Amino acid sequence: MKTFTVSLLLVFTLLTSGCQADDDYGEHEEGWRFLHKQRDVAAVEDPLYKEECGSCHLAYPPGLLPGSSWEKIMTRLDDHFGDNAELEPAVQKRLTTYLLMHSAERSDYRRSRRIMRSTNEANAPLRITELRYFKHEHDEIPPRLITGNEKVSSLSNCNACHPRAEQGFFSDREIRIPGYGAWDD
């Protein structure tokens, strides 16, 4: 019996040794998760992507859109939501490769998986704000806190309310709406 107990304890220790509580704020949203799962989507890691795309807007984590969306966006940079965002061909190719390699369907982060489950990839939108999952997550927020709030003005301004958006954190407990405070739906 003692050998069985020691063996069971050893197996349990091995199974949990790579785990850590999601306790950035002392809470456990989903219990125990692997360390890299503390983020909701993969963080933006490519410095060129941060520099090129982040110079005009948040360098959106690639796991927020399926690859088909990123491909459409990157092939239409001459009319990038009303602006010309054309890049040198080599830079465009490198960034497209980065976005496709880290897109929602290639990610195992929970929000990326949820985005993919709610998206028809054949008709994937160009905007994160047009994703069914995104709309569901933001449907209870009154317009006065978004479009009526000059510090937010649009749902595409993720980092106004999600201060660690570029790092991949979108947890409800981190939402801080300017002029309103913490959001609790």
C-alpha atoms as a PDB file:
ATOM      1  CA  MET A   1       0.000   0.000   0.000  1.00  0.00           C
ATOM      2  CA  LYS A   2       2.869   2.368   0.849  1.00  0.00           C
ATOM      3  CA  THR A   3       4.420   1.825  -2.622  1.00  0.00           C
ATOM      4  CA  PHE A   4       1.079   2.566  -4.286  1.00  0.00           C
ATOM      5  CA  THR A   5       0.682   5.800  -2.262  1.00  0.00           C
ATOM      6  CA  VAL A   6       4.222   6.938  -3.079  1.00  0.00           C
ATOM      7  CA  SER A   7       3.688   6.112  -6.768  1.00  0.00           C
ATOM      8  CA  LEU A   8       0.411   8.011  -6.828  1.00  0.00           C
ATOM      9  CA  LEU A   9       2.037  10.999  -5.139  1.00  0.00           C
ATOM     10  CA  LEU A  10       4.895  10.906  -7.660  1.00  0.00           C
ATOM     11  CA  VAL A  11       2.485  10.812 -10.620  1.00  0.00           C
ATOM     12  CA  PHE A  12       0.470  13.710  -9.166  1.00  0.00           C
ATOM     13  CA  THR A  13       3.653  15.729  -8.593  1.00  0.00           C
ATOM     14  CA  LEU A  14       4.833  15.131 -12.158  1.00  0.00           C
ATOM     15  CA  LEU A  15       1.450  16.060 -13.613  1.00  0.00           C
ATOM     16  CA  THR A  16       1.208  19.298 -11.664  1.00  0.00           C
ATOM     17  CA  SER A  17       4.853  20.392 -11.691  1.00  0.00           C
ATOM     18  CA  GLY A  18       4.429  22.262 -14.983  1.00  0.00           C
ATOM     19  CA  CYS A  19       1.326  24.020 -13.737  1.00  0.00           C
ATOM     20  CA  GLN A  20       0.881  27.283 -11.950  1.00  0.00           C
ATOM     21  CA  ALA A  21      -2.170  29.037 -10.635  1.00  0.00           C
ATOM     22  CA  ASP A  22      -3.484  31.963 -12.609  1.00  0.00           C
ATOM     23  CA  ASP A  23      -3.059  34.260  -9.667  1.00  0.00           C
ATOM     24  CA  ASP A  24      -1.823  37.547 -11.074  1.00  0.00           C
ATOM     25  CA  TYR A  25      -4.518  39.106  -8.901  1.00  0.00           C
ATOM     26  CA  GLY A  26      -4.908  36.299  -6.373  1.00  0.00           C
ATOM     27  CA  GLU A  27      -7.879  34.767  -8.199  1.00  0.00           C
ATOM     28  CA  HIS A  28      -8.348  31.551 -10.130  1.00  0.00           C
ATOM     29  CA  GLU A  29     -10.472  32.221 -13.205  1.00  0.00           C
ATOM     30  CA  GLU A  30     -10.176  28.688 -14.583  1.00  0.00           C
ATOM     31  CA  GLY A  31      -8.320  26.824 -11.853  1.00  0.00           C
ATOM     32  CA  TRP A  32      -4.834  25.526 -12.636  1.00  0.00           C
ATOM     33  CA  ARG A  33      -3.365  26.198 -16.057  1.00  0.00           C
ATOM     34  CA  PHE A  34       0.007  25.825 -17.681  1.00  0.00           C
ATOM     35  CA  LEU A  35       2.182  28.880 -17.262  1.00  0.00           C
ATOM     36  CA  HIS A  36       1.906  30.017 -20.894  1.00  0.00           C
ATOM     37  CA  LYS A  37      -1.875  29.811 -20.650  1.00  0.00           C
ATOM     38  CA  GLN A  38      -2.100  32.780 -18.301  1.00  0.00           C
ATOM     39  CA  ARG A  39      -2.563  34.943 -21.357  1.00  0.00           C
ATOM     40  CA  ASP A  40      -5.837  34.917 -23.259  1.00  0.00           C
ATOM     41  CA  VAL A  41      -4.056  35.019 -26.620  1.00  0.00           C
ATOM     42  CA  ALA A  42      -0.379  34.853 -27.536  1.00  0.00           C
ATOM     43  CA  ALA A  43       1.524  38.077 -26.947  1.00  0.00           C
ATOM     44  CA  VAL A  44       2.882  40.115 -29.831  1.00  0.00           C
ATOM     45  CA  GLU A  45       6.526  39.125 -30.036  1.00  0.00           C
ATOM     46  CA  ASP A  46       7.774  40.244 -33.439  1.00  0.00           C
ATOM     47  CA  PRO A  47       9.630  43.578 -33.078  1.00  0.00           C
ATOM     48  CA  LEU A  48       9.137  44.445 -36.761  1.00  0.00           C
ATOM     49  CA  TYR A  49       5.376  43.903 -36.447  1.00  0.00           C
ATOM     50  CA  LYS A  50       5.321  46.059 -33.302  1.00  0.00           C
ATOM     51  CA  GLU A  51       7.269  48.779 -35.094  1.00  0.00           C
ATOM     52  CA  GLU A  52       5.395  48.791 -38.413  1.00  0.00           C
ATOM     53  CA  CYS A  53       1.828  48.177 -37.275  1.00  0.00           C
ATOM     54  CA  GLY A  54       2.137  49.471 -33.734  1.00  0.00           C
ATOM     55  CA  SER A  55       3.267  52.885 -34.963  1.00  0.00           C
ATOM     56  CA  CYS A  56      -0.319  53.683 -36.038  1.00  0.00           C
ATOM     57  CA  HIS A  57      -2.474  51.518 -33.759  1.00  0.00           C
ATOM     58  CA  LEU A  58      -2.265  48.672 -31.289  1.00  0.00           C
ATOM     59  CA  ALA A  59      -0.191  45.849 -32.703  1.00  0.00           C
ATOM     60  CA  TYR A  60      -3.112  43.435 -32.426  1.00  0.00           C
ATOM     61  CA  PRO A  61      -2.165  39.963 -31.247  1.00  0.00           C
ATOM     62  CA  PRO A  62      -2.352  37.683 -34.304  1.00  0.00           C
ATOM     63  CA  GLY A  63      -4.454  35.139 -32.374  1.00  0.00           C
ATOM     64  CA  LEU A  64      -7.400  37.536 -32.477  1.00  0.00           C
ATOM     65  CA  LEU A  65      -8.121  36.755 -36.140  1.00  0.00           C
ATOM     66  CA  PRO A  66      -8.037  33.693 -38.375  1.00  0.00           C
ATOM     67  CA  GLY A  67      -5.318  33.492 -40.999  1.00  0.00           C
ATOM     68  CA  SER A  68      -7.782  34.162 -43.816  1.00  0.00           C
ATOM     69  CA  SER A  69      -8.540  37.550 -42.253  1.00  0.00           C
ATOM     70  CA  TRP A  70      -4.861  38.417 -41.851  1.00  0.00           C
ATOM     71  CA  GLU A  71      -4.204  37.382 -45.440  1.00  0.00           C
ATOM     72  CA  LYS A  72      -6.969  39.701 -46.715  1.00  0.00           C
ATOM     73  CA  ILE A  73      -5.695  42.566 -44.562  1.00  0.00           C
ATOM     74  CA  MET A  74      -2.095  42.158 -45.681  1.00  0.00           C
ATOM     75  CA  THR A  75      -2.976  42.022 -49.385  1.00  0.00           C
ATOM     76  CA  ARG A  76      -4.958  45.281 -49.181  1.00  0.00           C
ATOM     77  CA  LEU A  77      -2.492  47.556 -47.424  1.00  0.00           C
ATOM     78  CA  ASP A  78      -2.917  50.258 -50.066  1.00  0.00           C
ATOM     79  CA  ASP A  79      -6.419  50.755 -48.603  1.00  0.00           C
ATOM     80  CA  HIS A  80      -5.965  49.726 -44.982  1.00  0.00           C
ATOM     81  CA  PHE A  81      -9.275  50.838 -43.483  1.00  0.00           C
ATOM     82  CA  GLY A  82      -9.059  54.134 -45.363  1.00  0.00           C
ATOM     83  CA  ASP A  83      -5.306  54.661 -45.019  1.00  0.00           C
ATOM     84  CA  ASN A  84      -2.360  53.698 -47.179  1.00  0.00           C
ATOM     85  CA  ALA A  85      -0.230  51.328 -45.096  1.00  0.00           C
ATOM     86  CA  GLU A  86       1.842  49.854 -47.925  1.00  0.00           C
ATOM     87  CA  LEU A  87       5.130  48.247 -46.932  1.00  0.00           C
ATOM     88  CA  GLU A  88       8.259  47.193 -48.737  1.00  0.00           C
ATOM     89  CA  PRO A  89       7.541  43.770 -50.312  1.00  0.00           C
ATOM     90  CA  ALA A  90      10.060  41.937 -48.110  1.00  0.00           C
ATOM     91  CA  VAL A  91       8.629  43.509 -44.950  1.00  0.00           C
ATOM     92  CA  GLN A  92       5.073  42.757 -46.039  1.00  0.00           C
ATOM     93  CA  LYS A  93       5.997  39.124 -46.702  1.00  0.00           C
ATOM     94  CA  ARG A  94       7.726  38.747 -43.326  1.00  0.00           C
ATOM     95  CA  LEU A  95       4.808  40.293 -41.416  1.00  0.00           C
ATOM     96  CA  THR A  96       2.258  38.223 -43.321  1.00  0.00           C
ATOM     97  CA  THR A  97       4.197  35.079 -42.466  1.00  0.00           C
ATOM     98  CA  TYR A  98       4.329  36.088 -38.791  1.00  0.00           C
ATOM     99  CA  LEU A  99       0.587  36.804 -38.671  1.00  0.00           C
ATOM    100  CA  LEU A 100      -0.339  33.561 -40.411  1.00  0.00           C
ATOM    101  CA  MET A 101       1.956  31.467 -38.206  1.00  0.00           C
ATOM    102  CA  HIS A 102       0.344  32.934 -35.064  1.00  0.00           C
ATOM    103  CA  SER A 103      -3.266  33.347 -36.242  1.00  0.00           C
ATOM    104  CA  ALA A 104      -6.236  32.099 -34.222  1.00  0.00           C
ATOM    105  CA  GLU A 105      -6.500  28.677 -35.873  1.00  0.00           C
ATOM    106  CA  ARG A 106      -2.817  27.975 -35.190  1.00  0.00           C
ATOM    107  CA  SER A 107      -3.061  28.925 -31.533  1.00  0.00           C
ATOM    108  CA  ASP A 108      -3.939  26.862 -28.514  1.00  0.00           C
ATOM    109  CA  TYR A 109      -4.807  29.853 -26.345  1.00  0.00           C
ATOM    110  CA  ARG A 110      -8.374  29.797 -25.071  1.00  0.00           C
ATOM    111  CA  ARG A 111      -9.671  33.015 -26.655  1.00  0.00           C
ATOM    112  CA  SER A 112      -8.138  32.131 -29.996  1.00  0.00           C
ATOM    113  CA  ARG A 113      -9.874  28.758 -29.855  1.00  0.00           C
ATOM    114  CA  ARG A 114     -13.170  30.436 -28.965  1.00  0.00           C
ATOM    115  CA  ILE A 115     -12.745  32.892 -31.829  1.00  0.00           C
ATOM    116  CA  MET A 116     -12.242  30.026 -34.254  1.00  0.00           C
ATOM    117  CA  ARG A 117     -15.250  28.093 -32.943  1.00  0.00           C
ATOM    118  CA  SER A 118     -17.429  31.136 -33.574  1.00  0.00           C
ATOM    119  CA  THR A 119     -16.015  32.018 -37.004  1.00  0.00           C
ATOM    120  CA  ASN A 120     -16.818  30.728 -40.448  1.00  0.00           C
ATOM    121  CA  GLU A 121     -13.308  30.902 -41.848  1.00  0.00           C
ATOM    122  CA  ALA A 122     -14.559  31.139 -45.429  1.00  0.00           C
ATOM    123  CA  ASN A 123     -16.309  34.401 -44.498  1.00  0.00           C
ATOM    124  CA  ALA A 124     -13.902  35.600 -41.838  1.00  0.00           C
ATOM    125  CA  PRO A 125     -14.188  39.368 -41.321  1.00  0.00           C
ATOM    126  CA  LEU A 126     -11.446  41.917 -41.826  1.00  0.00           C
ATOM    127  CA  ARG A 127     -12.073  43.528 -38.451  1.00  0.00           C
ATOM    128  CA  ILE A 128     -11.728  41.972 -35.034  1.00  0.00           C
ATOM    129  CA  THR A 129     -14.800  43.968 -34.007  1.00  0.00           C
ATOM    130  CA  GLU A 130     -16.858  42.069 -36.617  1.00  0.00           C
ATOM    131  CA  LEU A 131     -16.143  38.646 -35.118  1.00  0.00           C
ATOM    132  CA  ARG A 132     -19.196  36.970 -33.613  1.00  0.00           C
ATOM    133  CA  TYR A 133     -17.182  36.090 -30.509  1.00  0.00           C
ATOM    134  CA  PHE A 134     -16.018  39.697 -30.104  1.00  0.00           C
ATOM    135  CA  LYS A 135     -19.561  41.038 -30.444  1.00  0.00           C
ATOM    136  CA  HIS A 136     -20.786  38.566 -27.824  1.00  0.00           C
ATOM    137  CA  GLU A 137     -18.051  39.609 -25.396  1.00  0.00           C
ATOM    138  CA  HIS A 138     -18.839  43.320 -25.786  1.00  0.00           C
ATOM    139  CA  ASP A 139     -22.621  43.285 -26.205  1.00  0.00           C
ATOM    140  CA  GLU A 140     -23.455  44.473 -22.675  1.00  0.00           C
ATOM    141  CA  ILE A 141     -21.243  47.550 -22.723  1.00  0.00           C
ATOM    142  CA  PRO A 142     -23.347  50.694 -23.193  1.00  0.00           C
ATOM    143  CA  PRO A 143     -22.364  52.866 -26.193  1.00  0.00           C
ATOM    144  CA  ARG A 144     -21.839  55.861 -23.878  1.00  0.00           C
ATOM    145  CA  LEU A 145     -18.811  54.047 -22.423  1.00  0.00           C
ATOM    146  CA  ILE A 146     -17.333  53.414 -25.876  1.00  0.00           C
ATOM    147  CA  THR A 147     -18.356  55.764 -28.679  1.00  0.00           C
ATOM    148  CA  GLY A 148     -19.493  58.381 -26.166  1.00  0.00           C
ATOM    149  CA  ASN A 149     -16.160  58.192 -24.350  1.00  0.00           C
ATOM    150  CA  GLU A 150     -13.457  60.324 -25.977  1.00  0.00           C
ATOM    151  CA  LYS A 151     -10.721  58.198 -24.347  1.00  0.00           C
ATOM    152  CA  VAL A 152     -12.108  55.050 -25.997  1.00  0.00           C
ATOM    153  CA  SER A 153     -14.193  56.204 -29.015  1.00  0.00           C
ATOM    154  CA  SER A 154     -14.190  52.788 -30.718  1.00  0.00           C
ATOM    155  CA  LEU A 155     -14.165  49.099 -29.877  1.00  0.00           C
ATOM    156  CA  SER A 156     -11.080  48.795 -32.070  1.00  0.00           C
ATOM    157  CA  ASN A 157      -9.160  50.783 -29.462  1.00  0.00           C
ATOM    158  CA  CYS A 158      -8.585  47.637 -27.359  1.00  0.00           C
ATOM    159  CA  ASN A 159      -5.777  49.018 -25.224  1.00  0.00           C
ATOM    160  CA  ALA A 160      -7.982  51.839 -23.925  1.00  0.00           C
ATOM    161  CA  CYS A 161      -9.794  49.320 -21.691  1.00  0.00           C
ATOM    162  CA  HIS A 162      -7.412  46.344 -21.862  1.00  0.00           C
ATOM    163  CA  PRO A 163      -4.076  47.884 -20.798  1.00  0.00           C
ATOM    164  CA  ARG A 164      -2.153  44.647 -21.467  1.00  0.00           C
ATOM    165  CA  ALA A 165      -3.800  43.858 -24.814  1.00  0.00           C
ATOM    166  CA  GLU A 166      -0.527  43.667 -26.741  1.00  0.00           C
ATOM    167  CA  GLN A 167       0.732  41.162 -24.182  1.00  0.00           C
ATOM    168  CA  GLY A 168      -2.362  39.013 -24.822  1.00  0.00           C
ATOM    169  CA  PHE A 169      -4.345  39.743 -21.651  1.00  0.00           C
ATOM    170  CA  PHE A 170      -8.068  40.362 -22.114  1.00  0.00           C
ATOM    171  CA  SER A 171      -9.423  38.932 -18.862  1.00  0.00           C
ATOM    172  CA  ASP A 172     -12.607  40.534 -17.527  1.00  0.00           C
ATOM    173  CA  ARG A 173     -10.869  41.281 -14.254  1.00  0.00           C
ATOM    174  CA  GLU A 174      -8.348  43.517 -16.049  1.00  0.00           C
ATOM    175  CA  ILE A 175     -10.867  45.707 -17.866  1.00  0.00           C
ATOM    176  CA  ARG A 176     -10.636  49.367 -16.886  1.00  0.00           C
ATOM    177  CA  ILE A 177     -12.897  51.669 -18.895  1.00  0.00           C
ATOM    178  CA  PRO A 178     -11.535  55.239 -18.824  1.00  0.00           C
ATOM    179  CA  GLY A 179     -13.824  57.510 -16.845  1.00  0.00           C
ATOM    180  CA  TYR A 180     -15.794  54.528 -15.545  1.00  0.00           C
ATOM    181  CA  GLY A 181     -13.359  52.124 -13.876  1.00  0.00           C
ATOM    182  CA  ALA A 182     -13.436  48.365 -13.599  1.00  0.00           C
ATOM    183  CA  TRP A 183     -16.026  46.613 -15.740  1.00  0.00           C
ATOM    184  CA  ASP A 184     -18.036  43.807 -14.232  1.00  0.00           C
ATOM    185  CA  ASP A 185     -20.614  42.203 -16.470  1.00  0.00           C
END
